[in-house]
């Protein structure tokens, strides 16, 4: 952790809703005039799209049916840890972009499914903001979590996460239900071993829980809406959090444990604004006192 160069990391698997959380942070940064250096977790994949497919085929022939982007073997976690360390020490570091589609290809001048060149992150930023799979990862080789000042987990219950992934990958990427199901099954060991443990490292978890039947996510026609959901917000260290104020500001919210508040799904953005804005301002104030 760094007083002079704070880091915020958002951790959640593909389809969990981290992009929506990122938009809330962007709104807070814009309103509070905070300059953030944005880091995409995809930038630290080890293989481009074609290489990953070839690697999966190669590993499948060897009997390994569970190679996934969740695994340390398919990511540059040492480089990610170095970025966090470099930024925390001096406010610098290198990153790149993973090009997802034709629109990004026009933006970055690289083919879809490939990476741009490594480059220095913007100078003079107030903080680093990471959103991806491994923002709080700890293995026997790396400890990324130790460098982040504020770690946020985005963790929908598993069936809801699968529904969101199924709808996104079928709608936006043209995959079949069978192909997405195969991806879910292939990722499961790495999800258990490398994604779930990160949520014990995070400072705050936002877990969306549907209030409609999601018992068979593979045939669900719609993603449960915010109005059809509740969100459990767990704070690792609730000291300093004014829960009575939050309960008064968020309609129909209630405490389920001493460190957990439950809210209506449609109030997630409001809750994030109320909880996160003071924490972000504390990081910025601490940074400015050390300048």
Protein backbone atom coordinates (compact mmCIF):
# COMPACT_ATOMS: atom_id res chain seq x y z
CA UNK A 1 0.00 0.00 0.00
CA UNK A 2 1.17 3.50 -0.80
CA UNK A 3 0.21 6.86 0.65
CA UNK A 4 1.67 8.79 -2.26
CA UNK A 5 0.42 6.61 -5.11
CA UNK A 6 -2.83 4.82 -4.17
CA UNK A 7 -4.20 1.81 -6.07
CA UNK A 8 -7.83 0.70 -6.37
CA UNK A 9 -8.48 -2.78 -7.77
CA UNK A 10 -11.81 -4.24 -8.89
CA UNK A 11 -11.85 -8.03 -9.02
CA UNK A 12 -14.51 -10.26 -10.54
CA UNK A 13 -14.77 -12.91 -13.21
CA UNK A 14 -15.95 -12.36 -16.77
CA UNK A 15 -19.65 -11.54 -16.77
CA UNK A 16 -19.76 -10.66 -13.08
CA UNK A 17 -20.60 -7.00 -13.62
CA UNK A 18 -17.21 -5.37 -13.04
CA UNK A 19 -17.75 -3.10 -16.06
CA UNK A 20 -20.84 -1.55 -14.44
CA UNK A 21 -18.89 -1.01 -11.23
CA UNK A 22 -16.11 0.64 -13.24
CA UNK A 23 -18.63 3.11 -14.67
CA UNK A 24 -19.68 4.10 -11.15
CA UNK A 25 -16.05 4.74 -10.24
CA UNK A 26 -15.61 6.80 -13.41
CA UNK A 27 -18.58 8.95 -12.37
CA UNK A 28 -17.08 9.48 -8.92
CA UNK A 29 -13.68 10.33 -10.39
CA UNK A 30 -15.24 12.83 -12.78
CA UNK A 31 -17.35 14.48 -10.11
CA UNK A 32 -14.50 14.71 -7.60
CA UNK A 33 -11.93 15.69 -10.28
CA UNK A 34 -9.73 12.64 -9.65
CA UNK A 35 -7.31 11.65 -12.42
CA UNK A 36 -7.06 7.85 -12.71
CA UNK A 37 -4.67 5.66 -14.69
CA UNK A 38 -6.89 2.83 -15.96
CA UNK A 39 -5.49 -0.70 -16.16
CA UNK A 40 -7.35 -3.52 -17.92
CA UNK A 41 -6.89 -7.01 -16.57
CA UNK A 42 -7.02 -8.41 -20.12
CA UNK A 43 -3.74 -6.62 -20.83
CA UNK A 44 -1.94 -9.15 -18.66
CA UNK A 45 -3.12 -12.30 -20.40
CA UNK A 46 -0.12 -14.33 -21.52
CA UNK A 47 -1.55 -15.34 -24.91
CA UNK A 48 -3.48 -13.54 -27.64
CA UNK A 49 -6.73 -15.04 -28.91
CA UNK A 50 -5.19 -17.33 -31.53
CA UNK A 51 -2.37 -18.42 -29.22
CA UNK A 52 -4.85 -19.22 -26.44
CA UNK A 53 -6.95 -21.38 -28.73
CA UNK A 54 -3.84 -23.24 -29.87
CA UNK A 55 -2.68 -23.66 -26.27
CA UNK A 56 -6.08 -24.98 -25.19
CA UNK A 57 -6.04 -27.49 -28.05
CA UNK A 58 -2.51 -28.55 -27.18
CA UNK A 59 -3.33 -28.98 -23.50
CA UNK A 60 -6.56 -30.81 -24.34
CA UNK A 61 -4.60 -33.40 -26.30
CA UNK A 62 -2.47 -33.90 -23.20
CA UNK A 63 -5.57 -34.53 -21.10
CA UNK A 64 -5.82 -31.08 -19.50
CA UNK A 65 -9.40 -29.94 -20.13
CA UNK A 66 -9.31 -27.04 -17.67
CA UNK A 67 -6.92 -24.45 -19.08
CA UNK A 68 -8.51 -21.02 -18.64
CA UNK A 69 -7.82 -17.31 -18.36
CA UNK A 70 -8.30 -17.63 -14.60
CA UNK A 71 -5.07 -19.60 -14.24
CA UNK A 72 -1.64 -18.15 -13.30
CA UNK A 73 -0.19 -20.15 -16.19
CA UNK A 74 -2.13 -18.10 -18.75
CA UNK A 75 -1.47 -14.69 -17.22
CA UNK A 76 1.51 -12.44 -16.64
CA UNK A 77 0.95 -12.13 -12.91
CA UNK A 78 4.57 -11.29 -12.18
CA UNK A 79 4.30 -8.33 -14.57
CA UNK A 80 1.01 -7.28 -12.98
CA UNK A 81 2.59 -7.42 -9.53
CA UNK A 82 5.52 -5.36 -10.83
CA UNK A 83 3.13 -2.72 -12.20
CA UNK A 84 1.37 -2.45 -8.83
CA UNK A 85 4.72 -2.29 -7.02
CA UNK A 86 6.19 0.30 -9.40
CA UNK A 87 3.09 2.47 -9.20
CA UNK A 88 2.89 2.28 -5.42
CA UNK A 89 6.55 3.31 -5.16
CA UNK A 90 6.85 5.94 -7.87
CA UNK A 91 3.52 6.41 -9.67
CA UNK A 92 4.82 4.76 -12.85
CA UNK A 93 4.61 1.46 -14.72
CA UNK A 94 3.86 -0.16 -18.07
CA UNK A 95 0.71 -1.67 -19.51
CA UNK A 96 -0.94 -2.46 -22.84
CA UNK A 97 -4.39 -3.06 -24.29
CA UNK A 98 -6.10 -6.24 -25.41
CA UNK A 99 -8.11 -5.52 -28.55
CA UNK A 100 -11.53 -7.16 -28.21
CA UNK A 101 -13.34 -6.25 -31.44
CA UNK A 102 -13.31 -4.25 -34.67
CA UNK A 103 -14.24 -1.01 -32.90
CA UNK A 104 -11.24 -1.29 -30.61
CA UNK A 105 -9.12 -2.35 -33.57
CA UNK A 106 -9.83 1.00 -35.22
CA UNK A 107 -9.06 2.78 -31.96
CA UNK A 108 -5.76 1.06 -31.20
CA UNK A 109 -4.56 0.14 -34.69
CA UNK A 110 -4.19 -3.58 -33.95
CA UNK A 111 -6.14 -6.65 -35.04
CA UNK A 112 -8.96 -7.99 -32.83
CA UNK A 113 -7.69 -10.64 -30.44
CA UNK A 114 -4.19 -9.18 -30.22
CA UNK A 115 -2.32 -6.85 -27.88
CA UNK A 116 -0.98 -3.37 -28.41
CA UNK A 117 2.66 -2.63 -27.57
CA UNK A 118 3.68 -2.13 -23.95
CA UNK A 119 3.77 1.55 -23.02
CA UNK A 120 4.18 3.75 -19.97
CA UNK A 121 1.00 4.68 -18.15
CA UNK A 122 -0.03 8.32 -18.08
CA UNK A 123 2.06 10.59 -15.91
CA UNK A 124 0.68 12.65 -13.04
CA UNK A 125 -2.33 10.49 -12.21
CA UNK A 126 -3.90 10.69 -8.76
CA UNK A 127 -4.36 6.92 -8.49
CA UNK A 128 -4.22 3.66 -10.42
CA UNK A 129 -7.51 1.88 -11.16
CA UNK A 130 -7.40 -1.82 -12.10
CA UNK A 131 -10.39 -3.84 -13.28
CA UNK A 132 -9.98 -7.52 -14.09
CA UNK A 133 -9.57 -11.07 -12.85
CA UNK A 134 -6.55 -10.83 -10.58
CA UNK A 135 -6.63 -7.55 -8.68
CA UNK A 136 -6.34 -9.29 -5.30
CA UNK A 137 -4.58 -12.51 -6.26
CA UNK A 138 -2.12 -14.22 -3.93
CA UNK A 139 -0.19 -17.31 -5.01
CA UNK A 140 3.05 -18.97 -3.92
CA UNK A 141 4.85 -16.74 -6.46
CA UNK A 142 3.07 -13.37 -6.39
CA UNK A 143 1.10 -11.19 -4.00
CA UNK A 144 -0.75 -8.54 -5.98
CA UNK A 145 -3.21 -7.86 -3.16
CA UNK A 146 -0.57 -6.37 -0.85
CA UNK A 147 -0.10 -3.29 -3.08
CA UNK A 148 -3.76 -2.26 -3.47
CA UNK A 149 -5.13 0.35 -1.06
CA UNK A 150 -8.78 -0.39 -1.80
CA UNK A 151 -9.84 -3.81 -3.11
CA UNK A 152 -13.40 -4.33 -4.35
CA UNK A 153 -14.94 -7.71 -5.15
CA UNK A 154 -17.86 -8.00 -7.57
CA UNK A 155 -19.42 -11.37 -6.86
CA UNK A 156 -22.89 -12.30 -8.10
CA UNK A 157 -24.17 -15.66 -6.86
CA UNK A 158 -22.92 -18.35 -9.19
CA UNK A 159 -26.12 -19.03 -11.17
CA UNK A 160 -26.58 -15.32 -11.83
CA UNK A 161 -22.96 -15.00 -12.91
CA UNK A 162 -23.48 -17.84 -15.37
CA UNK A 163 -26.68 -16.27 -16.74
CA UNK A 164 -24.87 -12.97 -17.29
CA UNK A 165 -22.00 -14.71 -19.05
CA UNK A 166 -24.33 -16.81 -21.21
CA UNK A 167 -26.30 -13.77 -22.37
CA UNK A 168 -23.19 -11.65 -22.99
CA UNK A 169 -21.24 -14.30 -24.89
CA UNK A 170 -24.21 -15.37 -27.00
CA UNK A 171 -25.43 -11.85 -27.71
CA UNK A 172 -22.18 -9.91 -28.09
CA UNK A 173 -19.80 -12.63 -29.24
CA UNK A 174 -22.05 -15.02 -31.14
CA UNK A 175 -21.19 -18.12 -29.11
CA UNK A 176 -23.64 -21.01 -28.76
CA UNK A 177 -25.04 -22.07 -25.39
CA UNK A 178 -23.01 -25.27 -25.66
CA UNK A 179 -19.77 -23.35 -26.26
CA UNK A 180 -20.35 -21.05 -23.27
CA UNK A 181 -21.24 -24.05 -21.10
CA UNK A 182 -18.00 -25.74 -22.10
CA UNK A 183 -16.12 -22.55 -21.12
CA UNK A 184 -17.83 -22.46 -17.71
CA UNK A 185 -16.96 -26.11 -17.05
CA UNK A 186 -13.37 -25.66 -18.23
CA UNK A 187 -12.85 -22.67 -15.92
CA UNK A 188 -14.36 -24.20 -12.79
CA UNK A 189 -11.17 -25.58 -11.14
CA UNK A 190 -9.34 -22.28 -11.70
CA UNK A 191 -12.39 -20.32 -10.52
CA UNK A 192 -12.37 -22.27 -7.26
CA UNK A 193 -8.59 -22.07 -6.79
CA UNK A 194 -7.75 -18.54 -8.01
CA UNK A 195 -10.89 -16.37 -8.22
CA UNK A 196 -12.84 -17.27 -5.08
CA UNK A 197 -9.85 -16.88 -2.69
CA UNK A 198 -9.43 -13.27 -3.80
CA UNK A 199 -12.74 -12.33 -2.21
CA UNK A 200 -11.26 -12.96 1.24
CA UNK A 201 -8.56 -10.40 0.37
CA UNK A 202 -10.98 -7.68 -0.77
CA UNK A 203 -12.00 -4.79 1.47
CA UNK A 204 -15.58 -4.61 0.16
CA UNK A 205 -17.64 -7.19 -1.71
CA UNK A 206 -20.80 -6.45 -3.68
CA UNK A 207 -22.77 -9.65 -4.23
CA UNK A 208 -25.95 -9.52 -6.28
CA UNK A 209 -28.57 -12.10 -5.37
CA UNK A 210 -31.60 -12.63 -7.66
CA UNK A 211 -35.05 -12.88 -6.12
CA UNK A 212 -36.44 -14.83 -9.08
CA UNK A 213 -35.91 -18.45 -10.04
CA UNK A 214 -32.45 -19.01 -11.55
CA UNK A 215 -32.30 -22.74 -10.79
CA UNK A 216 -31.40 -23.60 -14.40
CA UNK A 217 -29.23 -20.73 -15.67
CA UNK A 218 -28.63 -22.44 -19.01
CA UNK A 219 -32.22 -21.96 -20.19
CA UNK A 220 -32.88 -18.54 -18.61
CA UNK A 221 -34.32 -16.18 -21.22
CA UNK A 222 -33.54 -12.96 -19.35
CA UNK A 223 -30.95 -11.71 -16.93
CA UNK A 224 -32.68 -10.84 -13.63
CA UNK A 225 -33.04 -7.08 -13.48
CA UNK A 226 -31.87 -4.90 -10.58
CA UNK A 227 -35.52 -4.67 -9.49
CA UNK A 228 -35.52 -8.47 -9.25
CA UNK A 229 -32.36 -8.57 -7.13
CA UNK A 230 -30.89 -7.75 -3.76
CA UNK A 231 -27.25 -6.84 -3.15
CA UNK A 232 -25.27 -7.96 -0.12
CA UNK A 233 -22.46 -5.53 0.70
CA UNK A 234 -19.79 -6.96 3.00
CA UNK A 235 -17.12 -4.70 4.49
CA UNK A 236 -14.01 -6.48 5.73
CA UNK A 237 -13.28 -3.75 8.27
CA UNK A 238 -16.49 -1.87 9.13
CA UNK A 239 -14.71 0.54 11.48
CA UNK A 240 -15.50 4.10 10.46
CA UNK A 241 -18.48 3.14 8.29
CA UNK A 242 -21.61 5.03 9.34
CA UNK A 243 -24.18 2.27 8.95
CA UNK A 244 -27.08 4.25 10.48
CA UNK A 245 -26.46 6.95 7.86
CA UNK A 246 -26.41 4.38 5.03
CA UNK A 247 -29.62 2.77 6.32
CA UNK A 248 -31.31 6.17 6.40
CA UNK A 249 -30.14 7.08 2.89
CA UNK A 250 -30.88 3.76 1.15
CA UNK A 251 -34.59 2.89 1.23
CA UNK A 252 -35.51 -0.58 2.56
CA UNK A 253 -31.91 -1.49 3.38
CA UNK A 254 -31.07 -3.54 6.46
CA UNK A 255 -28.13 -5.05 8.30
CA UNK A 256 -27.76 -8.83 7.99
CA UNK A 257 -24.52 -9.01 9.99
CA UNK A 258 -22.38 -6.54 11.89
CA UNK A 259 -20.31 -5.92 8.75
CA UNK A 260 -22.96 -6.49 6.06
CA UNK A 261 -25.77 -4.37 4.65
CA UNK A 262 -28.44 -5.63 2.25
CA UNK A 263 -29.97 -3.28 -0.30
CA UNK A 264 -32.47 -3.38 -3.15
CA UNK A 265 -30.66 -4.11 -6.43
CA UNK A 266 -31.82 -0.86 -8.03
CA UNK A 267 -30.00 1.09 -5.29
CA UNK A 268 -26.55 -0.37 -6.01
CA UNK A 269 -25.21 2.75 -7.71
CA UNK A 270 -26.45 4.95 -4.85
CA UNK A 271 -24.90 2.63 -2.27
CA UNK A 272 -21.59 2.59 -4.10
CA UNK A 273 -21.56 6.37 -4.34
CA UNK A 274 -22.27 6.72 -0.62
CA UNK A 275 -19.75 4.10 0.51
CA UNK A 276 -16.93 4.59 -1.98
CA UNK A 277 -16.79 8.37 -2.41
CA UNK A 278 -15.51 9.03 1.15
CA UNK A 279 -12.97 6.20 0.82
CA UNK A 280 -11.65 7.58 -2.47
CA UNK A 281 -11.42 11.09 -1.03
CA UNK A 282 -9.51 9.70 1.96
CA UNK A 283 -6.96 8.14 -0.41
CA UNK A 284 -6.59 11.41 -2.33
CA UNK A 285 -6.30 13.48 0.84
CA UNK A 286 -3.66 11.11 2.20
CA UNK A 287 -1.80 11.37 -1.11
CA UNK A 288 -1.84 15.17 -1.04
CA UNK A 289 -0.58 15.30 2.55
CA UNK A 290 2.47 13.28 1.51
CA UNK A 291 3.18 15.38 -1.59
